[in-house]
C-alpha atoms as a PDB file:
ATOM      1  CA  UNK A   1     166.492  65.472  56.449  1.00  0.00           C
ATOM      2  CA  UNK A   2     169.000  67.551  58.419  1.00  0.00           C
ATOM      3  CA  UNK A   3     168.590  69.257  61.484  1.00  0.00           C
ATOM      4  CA  UNK A   4     169.007  72.755  59.885  1.00  0.00           C
ATOM      5  CA  UNK A   5     166.201  72.017  57.353  1.00  0.00           C
ATOM      6  CA  UNK A   6     163.767  70.783  60.126  1.00  0.00           C
ATOM      7  CA  UNK A   7     164.409  74.078  62.119  1.00  0.00           C
ATOM      8  CA  UNK A   8     163.914  76.171  58.933  1.00  0.00           C
ATOM      9  CA  UNK A   9     160.691  74.391  58.196  1.00  0.00           C
ATOM     10  CA  UNK A  10     159.401  74.793  61.816  1.00  0.00           C
ATOM     11  CA  UNK A  11     160.145  78.548  61.777  1.00  0.00           C
ATOM     12  CA  UNK A  12     158.577  78.876  58.465  1.00  0.00           C
ATOM     13  CA  UNK A  13     155.385  77.296  59.688  1.00  0.00           C
ATOM     14  CA  UNK A  14     155.384  79.380  62.772  1.00  0.00           C
ATOM     15  CA  UNK A  15     155.842  82.483  60.578  1.00  0.00           C
ATOM     16  CA  UNK A  16     152.989  81.425  58.254  1.00  0.00           C
ATOM     17  CA  UNK A  17     150.647  80.819  61.217  1.00  0.00           C
ATOM     18  CA  UNK A  18     151.532  84.356  62.545  1.00  0.00           C
ATOM     19  CA  UNK A  19     150.875  85.965  59.124  1.00  0.00           C
ATOM     20  CA  UNK A  20     147.574  84.156  58.744  1.00  0.00           C
ATOM     21  CA  UNK A  21     146.350  85.069  62.388  1.00  0.00           C
ATOM     22  CA  UNK A  22     147.249  88.832  61.718  1.00  0.00           C
ATOM     23  CA  UNK A  23     145.211  88.719  58.436  1.00  0.00           C
ATOM     24  CA  UNK A  24     142.313  87.086  59.888  1.00  0.00           C
ATOM     25  CA  UNK A  25     142.169  89.399  63.057  1.00  0.00           C
ATOM     26  CA  UNK A  26     142.741  92.701  61.183  1.00  0.00           C
ATOM     27  CA  UNK A  27     139.341  92.505  59.521  1.00  0.00           C
ATOM     28  CA  UNK A  28     137.626  92.587  63.141  1.00  0.00           C
ATOM     29  CA  UNK A  29     139.753  95.581  63.934  1.00  0.00           C
ATOM     30  CA  UNK A  30     138.609  97.490  60.930  1.00  0.00           C
ATOM     31  CA  UNK A  31     134.935  96.544  61.645  1.00  0.00           C
ATOM     32  CA  UNK A  32     135.226  97.756  65.331  1.00  0.00           C
ATOM     33  CA  UNK A  33     136.822 100.985  64.170  1.00  0.00           C
ATOM     34  CA  UNK A  34     133.915 101.635  61.723  1.00  0.00           C
ATOM     35  CA  UNK A  35     131.371 100.812  64.275  1.00  0.00           C
ATOM     36  CA  UNK A  36     133.024 103.100  66.866  1.00  0.00           C
ATOM     37  CA  UNK A  37     133.240 106.006  64.277  1.00  0.00           C
ATOM     38  CA  UNK A  38     129.418 105.484  63.608  1.00  0.00           C
ATOM     39  CA  UNK A  39     128.693 105.573  67.354  1.00  0.00           C
ATOM     40  CA  UNK A  40     130.679 108.851  67.591  1.00  0.00           C
ATOM     41  CA  UNK A  41     128.923 110.321  64.723  1.00  0.00           C
ATOM     42  CA  UNK A  42     125.384 109.539  66.256  1.00  0.00           C
ATOM     43  CA  UNK A  43     126.415 110.731  69.668  1.00  0.00           C
ATOM     44  CA  UNK A  44     127.776 114.331  68.452  1.00  0.00           C
ATOM     45  CA  UNK A  45     124.247 115.891  67.931  1.00  0.00           C
ATOM     46  CA  UNK A  46     123.351 114.788  71.447  1.00  0.00           C
ATOM     47  CA  UNK A  47     126.462 116.459  72.805  1.00  0.00           C
ATOM     48  CA  UNK A  48     125.597 119.532  70.898  1.00  0.00           C
ATOM     49  CA  UNK A  49     122.075 119.824  72.307  1.00  0.00           C
ATOM     50  CA  UNK A  50     123.305 119.036  75.765  1.00  0.00           C
ATOM     51  CA  UNK A  51     125.888 121.808  75.513  1.00  0.00           C
ATOM     52  CA  UNK A  52     123.500 124.336  74.226  1.00  0.00           C
ATOM     53  CA  UNK A  53     120.929 123.529  77.180  1.00  0.00           C
ATOM     54  CA  UNK A  54     123.678 124.047  79.737  1.00  0.00           C
ATOM     55  CA  UNK A  55     124.994 127.210  78.193  1.00  0.00           C
ATOM     56  CA  UNK A  56     121.514 128.481  77.744  1.00  0.00           C
ATOM     57  CA  UNK A  57     120.717 127.717  81.366  1.00  0.00           C
ATOM     58  CA  UNK A  58     123.999 129.532  82.546  1.00  0.00           C
ATOM     59  CA  UNK A  59     123.191 132.401  80.157  1.00  0.00           C
ATOM     60  CA  UNK A  60     119.610 132.865  81.534  1.00  0.00           C
ATOM     61  CA  UNK A  61     120.711 132.779  85.164  1.00  0.00           C
ATOM     62  CA  UNK A  62     123.355 135.531  84.374  1.00  0.00           C
ATOM     63  CA  UNK A  63     120.666 137.550  82.486  1.00  0.00           C
ATOM     64  CA  UNK A  64     118.380 137.326  85.417  1.00  0.00           C
ATOM     65  CA  UNK A  65     120.987 138.373  88.006  1.00  0.00           C
ATOM     66  CA  UNK A  66     121.859 141.161  85.647  1.00  0.00           C
ATOM     67  CA  UNK A  67     118.369 142.496  85.408  1.00  0.00           C
ATOM     68  CA  UNK A  68     117.701 142.236  89.129  1.00  0.00           C
ATOM     69  CA  UNK A  69     120.892 144.052  89.964  1.00  0.00           C
ATOM     70  CA  UNK A  70     121.902 141.032  92.184  1.00  0.00           C
ATOM     71  CA  UNK A  71     125.064 140.211  90.315  1.00  0.00           C
ATOM     72  CA  UNK A  72     128.103 139.678  92.559  1.00  0.00           C
ATOM     73  CA  UNK A  73     131.468 138.716  92.023  1.00  0.00           C
ATOM     74  CA  UNK A  74     130.900 135.222  93.614  1.00  0.00           C
ATOM     75  CA  UNK A  75     127.937 134.543  91.716  1.00  0.00           C
ATOM     76  CA  UNK A  76     129.628 135.484  88.479  1.00  0.00           C
ATOM     77  CA  UNK A  77     132.629 133.362  89.545  1.00  0.00           C
ATOM     78  CA  UNK A  78     130.255 130.404  90.012  1.00  0.00           C
ATOM     79  CA  UNK A  79     128.747 130.852  86.600  1.00  0.00           C
ATOM     80  CA  UNK A  80     132.219 130.980  85.007  1.00  0.00           C
ATOM     81  CA  UNK A  81     133.352 127.874  86.826  1.00  0.00           C
ATOM     82  CA  UNK A  82     130.204 126.098  85.637  1.00  0.00           C
ATOM     83  CA  UNK A  83     131.218 126.890  82.082  1.00  0.00           C
ATOM     84  CA  UNK A  84     134.654 125.958  82.453  1.00  0.00           C
ATOM     85  CA  UNK A  85     133.578 122.672  83.997  1.00  0.00           C
ATOM     86  CA  UNK A  86     131.593 121.693  80.808  1.00  0.00           C
ATOM     87  CA  UNK A  87     133.223 118.783  78.940  1.00  0.00           C
ATOM     88  CA  UNK A  88     132.707 117.632  75.398  1.00  0.00           C
ATOM     89  CA  UNK A  89     132.667 121.142  73.899  1.00  0.00           C
ATOM     90  CA  UNK A  90     131.400 121.040  70.123  1.00  0.00           C
ATOM     91  CA  UNK A  91     133.978 122.656  67.925  1.00  0.00           C
ATOM     92  CA  UNK A  92     131.502 124.935  66.349  1.00  0.00           C
ATOM     93  CA  UNK A  93     130.766 126.437  69.777  1.00  0.00           C
ATOM     94  CA  UNK A  94     134.299 127.277  70.981  1.00  0.00           C
ATOM     95  CA  UNK A  95     134.058 130.908  70.063  1.00  0.00           C
ATOM     96  CA  UNK A  96     130.860 131.239  72.087  1.00  0.00           C
ATOM     97  CA  UNK A  97     132.461 129.241  74.982  1.00  0.00           C
ATOM     98  CA  UNK A  98     135.529 131.483  75.173  1.00  0.00           C
ATOM     99  CA  UNK A  99     133.722 134.894  74.653  1.00  0.00           C
ATOM    100  CA  UNK A 100     131.034 133.882  77.340  1.00  0.00           C
ATOM    101  CA  UNK A 101     133.711 133.002  79.960  1.00  0.00           C
ATOM    102  CA  UNK A 102     135.534 136.277  78.921  1.00  0.00           C
ATOM    103  CA  UNK A 103     132.496 138.139  79.392  1.00  0.00           C
ATOM    104  CA  UNK A 104     132.071 136.738  82.919  1.00  0.00           C
ATOM    105  CA  UNK A 105     135.603 137.372  83.663  1.00  0.00           C
ATOM    106  CA  UNK A 106     135.205 140.946  82.705  1.00  0.00           C
ATOM    107  CA  UNK A 107     132.101 141.418  84.867  1.00  0.00           C
ATOM    108  CA  UNK A 108     133.699 139.675  87.771  1.00  0.00           C
ATOM    109  CA  UNK A 109     136.739 142.068  87.544  1.00  0.00           C
ATOM    110  CA  UNK A 110     134.287 145.029  87.419  1.00  0.00           C
ATOM    111  CA  UNK A 111     132.435 143.700  90.503  1.00  0.00           C
ATOM    112  CA  UNK A 112     135.719 143.222  92.304  1.00  0.00           C
ATOM    113  CA  UNK A 113     137.388 146.588  91.374  1.00  0.00           C
ATOM    114  CA  UNK A 114     134.809 148.738  89.965  1.00  0.00           C
ATOM    115  CA  UNK A 115     136.521 148.949  86.776  1.00  0.00           C
ATOM    116  CA  UNK A 116     133.913 150.621  84.572  1.00  0.00           C
ATOM    117  CA  UNK A 117     135.683 149.493  81.167  1.00  0.00           C
ATOM    118  CA  UNK A 118     135.301 145.937  82.246  1.00  0.00           C
ATOM    119  CA  UNK A 119     131.644 146.423  82.845  1.00  0.00           C
ATOM    120  CA  UNK A 120     131.066 147.943  79.453  1.00  0.00           C
ATOM    121  CA  UNK A 121     133.251 145.442  77.479  1.00  0.00           C
ATOM    122  CA  UNK A 122     131.512 142.580  79.184  1.00  0.00           C
ATOM    123  CA  UNK A 123     128.149 143.908  78.516  1.00  0.00           C
ATOM    124  CA  UNK A 124     129.104 144.444  74.940  1.00  0.00           C
ATOM    125  CA  UNK A 125     130.334 140.840  74.702  1.00  0.00           C
ATOM    126  CA  UNK A 126     127.131 139.460  76.072  1.00  0.00           C
ATOM    127  CA  UNK A 127     125.040 141.477  73.771  1.00  0.00           C
ATOM    128  CA  UNK A 128     127.293 140.211  70.699  1.00  0.00           C
ATOM    129  CA  UNK A 129     126.593 136.675  71.973  1.00  0.00           C
ATOM    130  CA  UNK A 130     122.970 137.290  71.848  1.00  0.00           C
ATOM    131  CA  UNK A 131     123.122 138.688  68.419  1.00  0.00           C
ATOM    132  CA  UNK A 132     125.321 135.788  67.118  1.00  0.00           C
ATOM    133  CA  UNK A 133     123.422 133.007  68.902  1.00  0.00           C
ATOM    134  CA  UNK A 134     119.858 133.573  68.618  1.00  0.00           C
ATOM    135  CA  UNK A 135     119.000 130.484  70.646  1.00  0.00           C
ATOM    136  CA  UNK A 136     120.358 131.985  73.802  1.00  0.00           C
ATOM    137  CA  UNK A 137     117.472 134.560  73.576  1.00  0.00           C
ATOM    138  CA  UNK A 138     114.689 131.912  73.429  1.00  0.00           C
END
């Protein structure tokens, strides 16, 4: 055998070994992807319940401060920052999240500048959230 044929056989064996390795390892990657997807699907309801609990807690604090007339711009800002710090926002609650932050911003603006329109708009938005998401009232 010539030197060229030996080199060609050597590279062919390396190529065959590489292809065999890739075929064997791709099955384990697919299994890992499937198991990761199953874990994400199982974790989603927990994230949703955690999110609901945290938003409800913030909503109750806001409602209590509002009823007691002890709502200040600082407290409103703290509640807004608490909402903005939440991670893992479930997609179906994005509108709730945005509207609640917007309502708190309007109330904060009212408390800072006594803009009566901001107060009315903020209260209207909070009332709409209570109507759209009945679990906030319980």
